[in-house]
C-alpha atoms as a PDB file:
ATOM      1  CA  MET A   1       0.038   0.084   0.076  1.00  0.00           C
ATOM      2  CA  SER A   2       1.467   3.622  -0.826  1.00  0.00           C
ATOM      3  CA  ALA A   3       2.219   6.082   1.719  1.00  0.00           C
ATOM      4  CA  ALA A   4      -0.514   8.324   0.741  1.00  0.00           C
ATOM      5  CA  LEU A   5      -3.034   5.454   1.250  1.00  0.00           C
ATOM      6  CA  GLN A   6      -1.628   4.467   4.538  1.00  0.00           C
ATOM      7  CA  ARG A   7      -1.936   8.040   5.623  1.00  0.00           C
ATOM      8  CA  PHE A   8      -5.531   8.362   4.523  1.00  0.00           C
ATOM      9  CA  ASP A   9      -6.453   5.218   6.459  1.00  0.00           C
ATOM     10  CA  GLY A  10      -4.730   6.577   9.549  1.00  0.00           C
ATOM     11  CA  ALA A  11      -6.360   9.809   9.276  1.00  0.00           C
ATOM     12  CA  ALA A  12      -9.796   8.361   8.437  1.00  0.00           C
ATOM     13  CA  ALA A  13      -9.617   6.303  11.442  1.00  0.00           C
ATOM     14  CA  ARG A  14      -8.704   9.281  13.814  1.00  0.00           C
ATOM     15  CA  VAL A  15     -11.473  11.096  12.347  1.00  0.00           C
ATOM     16  CA  ALA A  16     -13.892   8.405  13.213  1.00  0.00           C
ATOM     17  CA  SER A  17     -12.559   7.989  16.722  1.00  0.00           C
ATOM     18  CA  PRO A  18     -10.597  10.935  18.012  1.00  0.00           C
ATOM     19  CA  ARG A  19      -8.569  10.650  21.237  1.00  0.00           C
ATOM     20  CA  SER A  20      -8.547  14.369  22.342  1.00  0.00           C
ATOM     21  CA  ALA A  21     -10.359  17.696  21.285  1.00  0.00           C
ATOM     22  CA  ALA A  22      -7.753  18.739  18.973  1.00  0.00           C
ATOM     23  CA  GLU A  23      -7.293  15.597  17.181  1.00  0.00           C
ATOM     24  CA  PRO A  24     -10.360  15.696  14.819  1.00  0.00           C
ATOM     25  CA  VAL A  25      -8.992  19.298  13.257  1.00  0.00           C
ATOM     26  CA  THR A  26      -5.534  17.461  12.952  1.00  0.00           C
ATOM     27  CA  ALA A  27      -7.046  14.420  11.430  1.00  0.00           C
ATOM     28  CA  VAL A  28      -9.115  16.348   8.989  1.00  0.00           C
ATOM     29  CA  THR A  29      -5.843  18.441   7.902  1.00  0.00           C
ATOM     30  CA  GLU A  30      -4.049  15.073   7.374  1.00  0.00           C
ATOM     31  CA  LEU A  31      -7.271  13.353   5.453  1.00  0.00           C
ATOM     32  CA  ALA A  32      -7.082  16.313   3.051  1.00  0.00           C
ATOM     33  CA  SER A  33      -3.571  16.095   2.728  1.00  0.00           C
ATOM     34  CA  ALA A  34      -3.640  12.094   2.089  1.00  0.00           C
ATOM     35  CA  SER A  35      -6.471  12.674  -0.297  1.00  0.00           C
ATOM     36  CA  PHE A  36      -4.596  15.158  -2.390  1.00  0.00           C
ATOM     37  CA  GLY A  37      -1.660  13.013  -2.282  1.00  0.00           C
ATOM     38  CA  VAL A  38      -3.865   9.948  -3.441  1.00  0.00           C
ATOM     39  CA  SER A  39      -5.387  12.246  -6.194  1.00  0.00           C
ATOM     40  CA  VAL A  40      -1.799  13.273  -7.433  1.00  0.00           C
ATOM     41  CA  ASN A  41      -0.606   9.771  -7.475  1.00  0.00           C
ATOM     42  CA  THR A  42      -3.849   8.744  -9.618  1.00  0.00           C
ATOM     43  CA  ALA A  43      -2.970  11.526 -12.005  1.00  0.00           C
ATOM     44  CA  VAL A  44       0.489  10.454 -12.422  1.00  0.00           C
ATOM     45  CA  LEU A  45      -0.521   6.732 -12.912  1.00  0.00           C
ATOM     46  CA  LYS A  46      -3.155   7.776 -15.536  1.00  0.00           C
ATOM     47  CA  SER A  47      -0.596   9.923 -17.395  1.00  0.00           C
ATOM     48  CA  THR A  48       2.009   7.139 -17.299  1.00  0.00           C
ATOM     49  CA  ILE A  49      -0.586   4.461 -18.450  1.00  0.00           C
ATOM     50  CA  GLU A  50      -1.693   6.783 -21.321  1.00  0.00           C
ATOM     51  CA  ALA A  51       1.945   7.389 -22.342  1.00  0.00           C
ATOM     52  CA  GLU A  52       2.589   3.472 -22.339  1.00  0.00           C
ATOM     53  CA  LYS A  53      -0.529   2.880 -24.597  1.00  0.00           C
ATOM     54  CA  ARG A  54       0.850   5.551 -27.265  1.00  0.00           C
ATOM     55  CA  VAL A  55       4.151   3.852 -27.205  1.00  0.00           C
ATOM     56  CA  LEU A  56       2.506   0.353 -27.686  1.00  0.00           C
ATOM     57  CA  ASP A  57       0.136   1.739 -30.395  1.00  0.00           C
ATOM     58  CA  ILE A  58       3.209   3.363 -32.032  1.00  0.00           C
ATOM     59  CA  LEU A  59       5.240  -0.215 -31.953  1.00  0.00           C
ATOM     60  CA  VAL A  60       2.231  -2.295 -33.182  1.00  0.00           C
END
């Protein structure tokens, strides 16, 4: 599992069951950050797959 997904899972768990009054704010901030990281990773993966498809189309 990627680091961003692990951060996302951990932050989501802290939002669901906070241990202190300040923790939900921190967890939501981490969740947003992790979500952005997952989005960036997804965009890079899609771009890479599209580039590989183009290379394969050229080779075939």
